[in-house]
Amino acid sequence: MIVCVAVVGHQNNPLYIQSFTEADDALKLHHIVHCSLDVVDERVNNPRKSGPTLNETFLGLLYPTENYKVYGYLTNTKVKFIMVTTDLDVRDADVRSFFRRFHAAYVDAVSNPFHVPEQKLQYQVKAIDDCSLQTIVDYCHLSCILDGI
């Protein structure tokens, strides 16, 4: 189950963070997202030959914790998407599908002519929250249930 989704700017400034758990876990999830930025920077600045290529936007599993798995995605404009999940048996294809859908929702939100680049998604959050993000998360949860994960 997806418990947190974050959008982080190219200067590691948080643009959008949404947690889908109780308020007690929100601070812990924000910390996990913040810690994952070091792993993203390491993978982008020091690509391994066996790891994702420079053209690859999906960064894969950034790091697992005892209760969570953290996945990353990097756009062409160096905006980072971070997803924290409690499912320990998640297929990469499902995570890639989530990030593609989330990227499309993000593009729709920042395509607003009144959006200021690298600013928090204040006015566009309603568009992401109300329909797109919840639909994407629900779809991901449903596909994991149907696949028996």
N, C-alpha and C. Protein backbone atom coordinates (compact mmCIF):
# COMPACT_ATOMS: atom_id res chain seq x y z
N MET A 1 0.83 -1.17 0.00
CA MET A 1 0.00 0.00 0.00
C MET A 1 0.88 1.24 0.00
N ILE A 2 0.56 2.20 -0.81
CA ILE A 2 1.30 3.45 -0.88
C ILE A 2 0.95 4.29 0.34
N VAL A 3 1.97 4.72 1.08
CA VAL A 3 1.71 5.51 2.28
C VAL A 3 2.15 6.96 2.13
N CYS A 4 3.01 7.25 1.13
CA CYS A 4 3.45 8.63 0.95
C CYS A 4 3.94 8.83 -0.48
N VAL A 5 3.65 10.01 -1.02
CA VAL A 5 4.11 10.41 -2.34
C VAL A 5 4.65 11.82 -2.20
N ALA A 6 5.80 12.08 -2.82
CA ALA A 6 6.40 13.41 -2.73
C ALA A 6 6.94 13.85 -4.08
N VAL A 7 6.90 15.16 -4.29
CA VAL A 7 7.53 15.79 -5.45
C VAL A 7 8.57 16.74 -4.90
N VAL A 8 9.81 16.59 -5.36
CA VAL A 8 10.91 17.40 -4.85
C VAL A 8 11.58 18.08 -6.04
N GLY A 9 11.82 19.39 -5.91
CA GLY A 9 12.42 20.16 -6.98
C GLY A 9 13.87 19.82 -7.22
N HIS A 10 14.44 20.41 -8.28
CA HIS A 10 15.82 20.06 -8.64
C HIS A 10 16.84 20.58 -7.64
N GLN A 11 16.45 21.49 -6.76
CA GLN A 11 17.34 21.96 -5.70
C GLN A 11 16.98 21.31 -4.36
N ASN A 12 16.31 20.17 -4.43
CA ASN A 12 15.88 19.39 -3.26
C ASN A 12 14.90 20.15 -2.36
N ASN A 13 14.15 21.06 -2.94
CA ASN A 13 13.11 21.74 -2.18
C ASN A 13 11.79 20.99 -2.36
N PRO A 14 11.08 20.74 -1.27
CA PRO A 14 9.82 19.98 -1.39
C PRO A 14 8.76 20.81 -2.09
N LEU A 15 8.19 20.23 -3.13
CA LEU A 15 7.13 20.91 -3.87
C LEU A 15 5.75 20.37 -3.47
N TYR A 16 5.72 19.10 -3.09
CA TYR A 16 4.44 18.48 -2.73
C TYR A 16 4.72 17.20 -1.95
N ILE A 17 4.09 17.06 -0.80
CA ILE A 17 4.19 15.83 -0.02
C ILE A 17 2.80 15.47 0.46
N GLN A 18 2.40 14.25 0.18
CA GLN A 18 1.08 13.76 0.60
C GLN A 18 1.27 12.40 1.26
N SER A 19 0.83 12.29 2.51
CA SER A 19 0.87 10.99 3.17
C SER A 19 -0.55 10.47 3.30
N PHE A 20 -0.68 9.16 3.25
CA PHE A 20 -1.99 8.51 3.29
C PHE A 20 -2.15 7.69 4.57
N THR A 21 -1.56 8.19 5.65
CA THR A 21 -1.63 7.50 6.94
C THR A 21 -2.07 8.49 8.01
N GLU A 22 -2.02 8.04 9.26
CA GLU A 22 -2.37 8.91 10.37
C GLU A 22 -1.34 10.03 10.51
N ALA A 23 -1.72 11.06 11.24
CA ALA A 23 -0.84 12.21 11.42
C ALA A 23 0.44 11.84 12.15
N ASP A 24 0.40 10.79 12.98
CA ASP A 24 1.60 10.39 13.73
C ASP A 24 2.72 9.93 12.81
N ASP A 25 2.36 9.30 11.70
CA ASP A 25 3.36 8.78 10.78
C ASP A 25 3.85 9.82 9.78
N ALA A 26 3.16 10.94 9.67
CA ALA A 26 3.49 11.92 8.63
C ALA A 26 4.92 12.45 8.79
N LEU A 27 5.31 12.76 10.00
CA LEU A 27 6.66 13.30 10.22
C LEU A 27 7.72 12.26 9.89
N LYS A 28 7.46 11.01 10.25
CA LYS A 28 8.41 9.93 9.95
C LYS A 28 8.52 9.74 8.43
N LEU A 29 7.41 9.83 7.74
CA LEU A 29 7.44 9.67 6.28
C LEU A 29 8.16 10.84 5.61
N HIS A 30 7.99 12.04 6.14
CA HIS A 30 8.72 13.19 5.60
C HIS A 30 10.22 12.99 5.77
N HIS A 31 10.61 12.44 6.90
CA HIS A 31 12.02 12.16 7.16
C HIS A 31 12.55 11.10 6.17
N ILE A 32 11.77 10.07 5.92
CA ILE A 32 12.17 9.03 4.97
C ILE A 32 12.34 9.62 3.58
N VAL A 33 11.41 10.48 3.16
CA VAL A 33 11.51 11.14 1.85
C VAL A 33 12.77 11.99 1.80
N HIS A 34 13.02 12.75 2.85
CA HIS A 34 14.21 13.61 2.88
C HIS A 34 15.50 12.78 2.80
N CYS A 35 15.53 11.67 3.51
CA CYS A 35 16.73 10.80 3.48
C CYS A 35 16.93 10.17 2.10
N SER A 36 15.85 9.91 1.40
CA SER A 36 15.98 9.28 0.09
C SER A 36 16.60 10.20 -0.94
N LEU A 37 16.59 11.50 -0.69
CA LEU A 37 17.18 12.44 -1.65
C LEU A 37 18.68 12.24 -1.78
N ASP A 38 19.34 11.83 -0.71
CA ASP A 38 20.77 11.54 -0.79
C ASP A 38 21.04 10.36 -1.73
N VAL A 39 20.18 9.36 -1.67
CA VAL A 39 20.34 8.19 -2.53
C VAL A 39 20.09 8.59 -3.99
N VAL A 40 19.09 9.44 -4.22
CA VAL A 40 18.80 9.91 -5.58
C VAL A 40 20.00 10.66 -6.12
N ASP A 41 20.54 11.58 -5.34
CA ASP A 41 21.71 12.35 -5.79
C ASP A 41 22.90 11.45 -6.07
N GLU A 42 23.09 10.46 -5.24
CA GLU A 42 24.20 9.52 -5.45
C GLU A 42 24.03 8.75 -6.75
N ARG A 43 22.81 8.30 -7.03
CA ARG A 43 22.58 7.54 -8.26
C ARG A 43 22.68 8.41 -9.50
N VAL A 44 22.26 9.64 -9.40
CA VAL A 44 22.30 10.53 -10.57
C VAL A 44 23.73 10.98 -10.85
N ASN A 45 24.47 11.31 -9.80
CA ASN A 45 25.83 11.83 -9.98
C ASN A 45 26.87 10.75 -10.20
N ASN A 46 26.62 9.54 -9.74
CA ASN A 46 27.57 8.44 -9.89
C ASN A 46 26.86 7.22 -10.46
N PRO A 47 26.49 7.26 -11.73
CA PRO A 47 25.75 6.12 -12.27
C PRO A 47 26.65 4.89 -12.35
N ARG A 48 26.08 3.75 -11.94
CA ARG A 48 26.80 2.48 -12.04
C ARG A 48 26.55 1.89 -13.42
N LYS A 49 27.45 1.07 -13.83
CA LYS A 49 27.26 0.44 -15.14
C LYS A 49 26.11 -0.55 -15.11
N SER A 50 25.86 -1.18 -13.97
CA SER A 50 24.76 -2.13 -13.88
C SER A 50 23.45 -1.46 -13.52
N GLY A 51 23.51 -0.21 -13.07
CA GLY A 51 22.30 0.51 -12.66
C GLY A 51 21.62 1.18 -13.83
N PRO A 52 20.65 2.05 -13.53
CA PRO A 52 19.94 2.73 -14.59
C PRO A 52 20.86 3.66 -15.38
N THR A 53 20.60 3.78 -16.65
CA THR A 53 21.41 4.67 -17.49
C THR A 53 20.99 6.11 -17.26
N LEU A 54 21.72 7.03 -17.85
CA LEU A 54 21.41 8.44 -17.67
C LEU A 54 20.06 8.81 -18.28
N ASN A 55 19.62 8.08 -19.29
CA ASN A 55 18.34 8.37 -19.93
C ASN A 55 17.17 7.72 -19.19
N GLU A 56 17.45 6.87 -18.25
CA GLU A 56 16.41 6.17 -17.51
C GLU A 56 15.83 7.08 -16.44
N THR A 57 14.52 7.26 -16.45
CA THR A 57 13.90 8.13 -15.46
C THR A 57 13.52 7.38 -14.19
N PHE A 58 13.26 6.09 -14.31
CA PHE A 58 12.90 5.28 -13.15
C PHE A 58 14.17 4.90 -12.41
N LEU A 59 14.28 5.32 -11.16
CA LEU A 59 15.48 5.04 -10.38
C LEU A 59 15.39 3.72 -9.62
N GLY A 60 14.21 3.15 -9.55
CA GLY A 60 14.03 1.87 -8.88
C GLY A 60 13.97 2.01 -7.38
N LEU A 61 14.27 0.91 -6.71
CA LEU A 61 14.26 0.88 -5.25
C LEU A 61 15.43 1.71 -4.74
N LEU A 62 15.13 2.76 -4.01
CA LEU A 62 16.19 3.60 -3.46
C LEU A 62 16.79 2.96 -2.22
N TYR A 63 15.93 2.57 -1.30
CA TYR A 63 16.39 1.82 -0.14
C TYR A 63 15.19 1.23 0.61
N PRO A 64 15.38 0.07 1.17
CA PRO A 64 14.33 -0.51 2.00
C PRO A 64 14.60 -0.20 3.48
N THR A 65 13.52 -0.06 4.22
CA THR A 65 13.64 0.03 5.67
C THR A 65 12.95 -1.19 6.25
N GLU A 66 12.81 -1.22 7.54
CA GLU A 66 12.18 -2.38 8.17
C GLU A 66 10.71 -2.50 7.77
N ASN A 67 10.03 -1.36 7.64
CA ASN A 67 8.59 -1.37 7.35
C ASN A 67 8.23 -0.82 5.98
N TYR A 68 9.14 -0.16 5.32
CA TYR A 68 8.82 0.54 4.08
C TYR A 68 9.83 0.21 2.99
N LYS A 69 9.40 0.46 1.76
CA LYS A 69 10.30 0.48 0.62
C LYS A 69 10.13 1.84 -0.04
N VAL A 70 11.24 2.42 -0.46
CA VAL A 70 11.23 3.76 -1.04
C VAL A 70 11.69 3.66 -2.49
N TYR A 71 10.88 4.18 -3.40
CA TYR A 71 11.18 4.15 -4.83
C TYR A 71 11.33 5.58 -5.34
N GLY A 72 12.11 5.74 -6.41
CA GLY A 72 12.35 7.06 -6.95
C GLY A 72 12.18 7.12 -8.45
N TYR A 73 11.93 8.33 -8.92
CA TYR A 73 11.73 8.62 -10.34
C TYR A 73 12.28 10.02 -10.56
N LEU A 74 12.98 10.22 -11.66
CA LEU A 74 13.59 11.52 -11.96
C LEU A 74 13.10 11.99 -13.31
N THR A 75 12.57 13.21 -13.37
CA THR A 75 12.09 13.75 -14.64
C THR A 75 13.25 14.36 -15.41
N ASN A 76 12.99 14.75 -16.63
CA ASN A 76 14.03 15.38 -17.45
C ASN A 76 14.45 16.74 -16.90
N THR A 77 13.58 17.38 -16.13
CA THR A 77 13.90 18.68 -15.54
C THR A 77 14.47 18.53 -14.13
N LYS A 78 14.89 17.31 -13.77
CA LYS A 78 15.52 16.99 -12.48
C LYS A 78 14.56 17.13 -11.30
N VAL A 79 13.26 17.08 -11.55
CA VAL A 79 12.28 17.01 -10.47
C VAL A 79 12.18 15.55 -10.06
N LYS A 80 12.20 15.32 -8.76
CA LYS A 80 12.21 13.95 -8.24
C LYS A 80 10.84 13.58 -7.69
N PHE A 81 10.40 12.37 -8.00
CA PHE A 81 9.19 11.81 -7.41
C PHE A 81 9.63 10.69 -6.49
N ILE A 82 9.11 10.70 -5.28
CA ILE A 82 9.45 9.68 -4.29
C ILE A 82 8.15 9.01 -3.86
N MET A 83 8.17 7.68 -3.81
CA MET A 83 7.02 6.92 -3.34
C MET A 83 7.47 6.01 -2.21
N VAL A 84 6.73 6.03 -1.11
CA VAL A 84 7.00 5.16 0.03
C VAL A 84 5.84 4.17 0.12
N THR A 85 6.16 2.90 0.19
CA THR A 85 5.12 1.87 0.24
C THR A 85 5.39 0.90 1.37
N THR A 86 4.32 0.29 1.88
CA THR A 86 4.47 -0.72 2.92
C THR A 86 4.53 -2.12 2.32
N ASP A 87 4.18 -2.24 1.04
CA ASP A 87 4.25 -3.54 0.37
C ASP A 87 5.71 -3.92 0.17
N LEU A 88 6.08 -5.06 0.68
CA LEU A 88 7.47 -5.49 0.54
C LEU A 88 7.69 -6.32 -0.71
N ASP A 89 6.59 -6.72 -1.37
CA ASP A 89 6.68 -7.52 -2.60
C ASP A 89 6.04 -6.77 -3.75
N VAL A 90 6.63 -5.67 -4.14
CA VAL A 90 6.10 -4.85 -5.22
C VAL A 90 6.91 -5.11 -6.48
N ARG A 91 6.21 -5.29 -7.59
CA ARG A 91 6.91 -5.48 -8.87
C ARG A 91 7.32 -4.13 -9.44
N ASP A 92 8.47 -4.10 -10.09
CA ASP A 92 8.95 -2.86 -10.70
C ASP A 92 7.98 -2.34 -11.76
N ALA A 93 7.32 -3.23 -12.46
CA ALA A 93 6.38 -2.81 -13.50
C ALA A 93 5.22 -2.01 -12.90
N ASP A 94 4.74 -2.42 -11.73
CA ASP A 94 3.66 -1.68 -11.07
C ASP A 94 4.14 -0.31 -10.61
N VAL A 95 5.36 -0.24 -10.10
CA VAL A 95 5.90 1.04 -9.63
C VAL A 95 6.14 1.97 -10.82
N ARG A 96 6.66 1.42 -11.91
CA ARG A 96 6.85 2.23 -13.12
C ARG A 96 5.53 2.79 -13.63
N SER A 97 4.50 1.94 -13.61
CA SER A 97 3.18 2.38 -14.05
C SER A 97 2.66 3.50 -13.16
N PHE A 98 2.85 3.37 -11.85
CA PHE A 98 2.42 4.43 -10.94
C PHE A 98 3.15 5.73 -11.26
N PHE A 99 4.47 5.67 -11.43
CA PHE A 99 5.23 6.88 -11.68
C PHE A 99 4.87 7.52 -13.01
N ARG A 100 4.59 6.73 -14.03
CA ARG A 100 4.17 7.31 -15.31
C ARG A 100 2.85 8.06 -15.15
N ARG A 101 1.92 7.46 -14.44
CA ARG A 101 0.63 8.12 -14.21
C ARG A 101 0.80 9.37 -13.34
N PHE A 102 1.63 9.26 -12.31
CA PHE A 102 1.85 10.40 -11.43
C PHE A 102 2.57 11.53 -12.17
N HIS A 103 3.50 11.17 -13.04
CA HIS A 103 4.19 12.17 -13.84
C HIS A 103 3.20 12.91 -14.74
N ALA A 104 2.28 12.19 -15.34
CA ALA A 104 1.26 12.83 -16.18
C ALA A 104 0.39 13.78 -15.36
N ALA A 105 0.02 13.39 -14.14
CA ALA A 105 -0.76 14.27 -13.27
C ALA A 105 0.04 15.51 -12.88
N TYR A 106 1.34 15.33 -12.63
CA TYR A 106 2.21 16.45 -12.29
C TYR A 106 2.32 17.42 -13.47
N VAL A 107 2.48 16.88 -14.66
CA VAL A 107 2.57 17.73 -15.85
C VAL A 107 1.28 18.54 -16.03
N ASP A 108 0.14 17.89 -15.81
CA ASP A 108 -1.13 18.61 -15.90
C ASP A 108 -1.19 19.74 -14.87
N ALA A 109 -0.68 19.49 -13.67
CA ALA A 109 -0.74 20.50 -12.61
C ALA A 109 0.18 21.69 -12.90
N VAL A 110 1.39 21.43 -13.39
CA VAL A 110 2.32 22.53 -13.63
C VAL A 110 2.09 23.19 -14.99
N SER A 111 1.20 22.66 -15.79
CA SER A 111 0.87 23.29 -17.06
C SER A 111 -0.06 24.48 -16.88
N ASN A 112 -0.51 24.70 -15.68
CA ASN A 112 -1.33 25.85 -15.36
C ASN A 112 -0.53 27.11 -15.66
N PRO A 113 -1.07 28.05 -16.41
CA PRO A 113 -0.29 29.25 -16.76
C PRO A 113 0.05 30.12 -15.55
N PHE A 114 -0.61 29.93 -14.44
CA PHE A 114 -0.33 30.72 -13.25
C PHE A 114 0.67 30.05 -12.31
N HIS A 115 1.13 28.87 -12.66
CA HIS A 115 2.10 28.17 -11.83
C HIS A 115 3.47 28.80 -11.99
N VAL A 116 4.12 29.04 -10.85
CA VAL A 116 5.49 29.57 -10.85
C VAL A 116 6.43 28.37 -10.68
N PRO A 117 7.35 28.17 -11.63
CA PRO A 117 8.26 27.02 -11.54
C PRO A 117 9.04 27.01 -10.23
N GLU A 118 9.27 25.80 -9.70
CA GLU A 118 10.00 25.55 -8.47
C GLU A 118 9.32 26.11 -7.22
N GLN A 119 8.05 26.43 -7.32
CA GLN A 119 7.27 26.82 -6.15
C GLN A 119 6.39 25.66 -5.75
N LYS A 120 5.99 25.62 -4.48
CA LYS A 120 5.11 24.55 -4.02
C LYS A 120 3.84 24.54 -4.84
N LEU A 121 3.31 23.36 -5.00
CA LEU A 121 2.09 23.18 -5.78
C LEU A 121 0.88 23.54 -4.92
N GLN A 122 0.71 24.83 -4.65
CA GLN A 122 -0.37 25.27 -3.78
C GLN A 122 -1.70 25.28 -4.50
N TYR A 123 -1.75 25.94 -5.62
CA TYR A 123 -3.01 26.08 -6.33
C TYR A 123 -3.36 24.82 -7.13
N GLN A 124 -2.35 24.09 -7.51
CA GLN A 124 -2.58 22.91 -8.32
C GLN A 124 -2.85 21.66 -7.48
N VAL A 125 -2.63 21.75 -6.16
CA VAL A 125 -2.81 20.58 -5.31
C VAL A 125 -4.24 20.06 -5.38
N LYS A 126 -5.19 20.95 -5.49
CA LYS A 126 -6.59 20.52 -5.58
C LYS A 126 -6.78 19.61 -6.79
N ALA A 127 -6.17 19.95 -7.90
CA ALA A 127 -6.30 19.11 -9.09
C ALA A 127 -5.63 17.77 -8.90
N ILE A 128 -4.48 17.76 -8.24
CA ILE A 128 -3.78 16.50 -8.00
C ILE A 128 -4.52 15.67 -6.95
N ASP A 129 -4.92 16.31 -5.84
CA ASP A 129 -5.53 15.56 -4.74
C ASP A 129 -6.90 15.00 -5.09
N ASP A 130 -7.76 15.84 -5.64
CA ASP A 130 -9.16 15.44 -5.79
C ASP A 130 -9.36 14.29 -6.75
N CYS A 131 -8.72 14.35 -7.89
CA CYS A 131 -9.01 13.30 -8.86
C CYS A 131 -7.79 12.47 -9.19
N SER A 132 -6.76 13.08 -9.61
CA SER A 132 -5.65 12.34 -10.19
C SER A 132 -4.91 11.46 -9.21
N LEU A 133 -4.37 12.04 -8.14
CA LEU A 133 -3.52 11.26 -7.25
C LEU A 133 -4.30 10.16 -6.56
N GLN A 134 -5.48 10.46 -6.05
CA GLN A 134 -6.25 9.43 -5.36
C GLN A 134 -6.63 8.31 -6.33
N THR A 135 -6.97 8.65 -7.56
CA THR A 135 -7.30 7.65 -8.56
C THR A 135 -6.09 6.78 -8.88
N ILE A 136 -4.93 7.40 -9.01
CA ILE A 136 -3.70 6.66 -9.31
C ILE A 136 -3.35 5.72 -8.17
N VAL A 137 -3.43 6.21 -6.93
CA VAL A 137 -3.11 5.38 -5.77
C VAL A 137 -4.11 4.23 -5.64
N ASP A 138 -5.40 4.53 -5.83
CA ASP A 138 -6.42 3.48 -5.75
C ASP A 138 -6.18 2.43 -6.83
N TYR A 139 -5.83 2.86 -8.04
CA TYR A 139 -5.57 1.93 -9.13
C TYR A 139 -4.38 1.03 -8.79
N CYS A 140 -3.34 1.62 -8.22
CA CYS A 140 -2.15 0.85 -7.85
C CYS A 140 -2.50 -0.16 -6.77
N HIS A 141 -3.29 0.24 -5.78
CA HIS A 141 -3.69 -0.68 -4.73
C HIS A 141 -4.54 -1.82 -5.30
N LEU A 142 -5.45 -1.47 -6.19
CA LEU A 142 -6.33 -2.49 -6.78
C LEU A 142 -5.53 -3.48 -7.62
N SER A 143 -4.57 -2.97 -8.41
CA SER A 143 -3.79 -3.89 -9.24
C SER A 143 -2.92 -4.79 -8.38
N CYS A 144 -2.43 -4.29 -7.24
CA CYS A 144 -1.64 -5.15 -6.34
C CYS A 144 -2.53 -6.22 -5.72
N ILE A 145 -3.77 -5.88 -5.38
CA ILE A 145 -4.68 -6.85 -4.79
C ILE A 145 -5.04 -7.91 -5.82
N LEU A 146 -5.32 -7.49 -7.05
CA LEU A 146 -5.69 -8.43 -8.09
C LEU A 146 -4.55 -9.34 -8.47
N ASP A 147 -3.32 -8.84 -8.38
CA ASP A 147 -2.15 -9.64 -8.72
C ASP A 147 -1.74 -10.55 -7.56
N GLY A 148 -2.40 -10.39 -6.41
CA GLY A 148 -2.11 -11.26 -5.29
C GLY A 148 -0.92 -10.84 -4.46
N ILE A 149 -0.58 -9.58 -4.53
CA ILE A 149 0.57 -9.10 -3.75
C ILE A 149 0.11 -8.73 -2.36
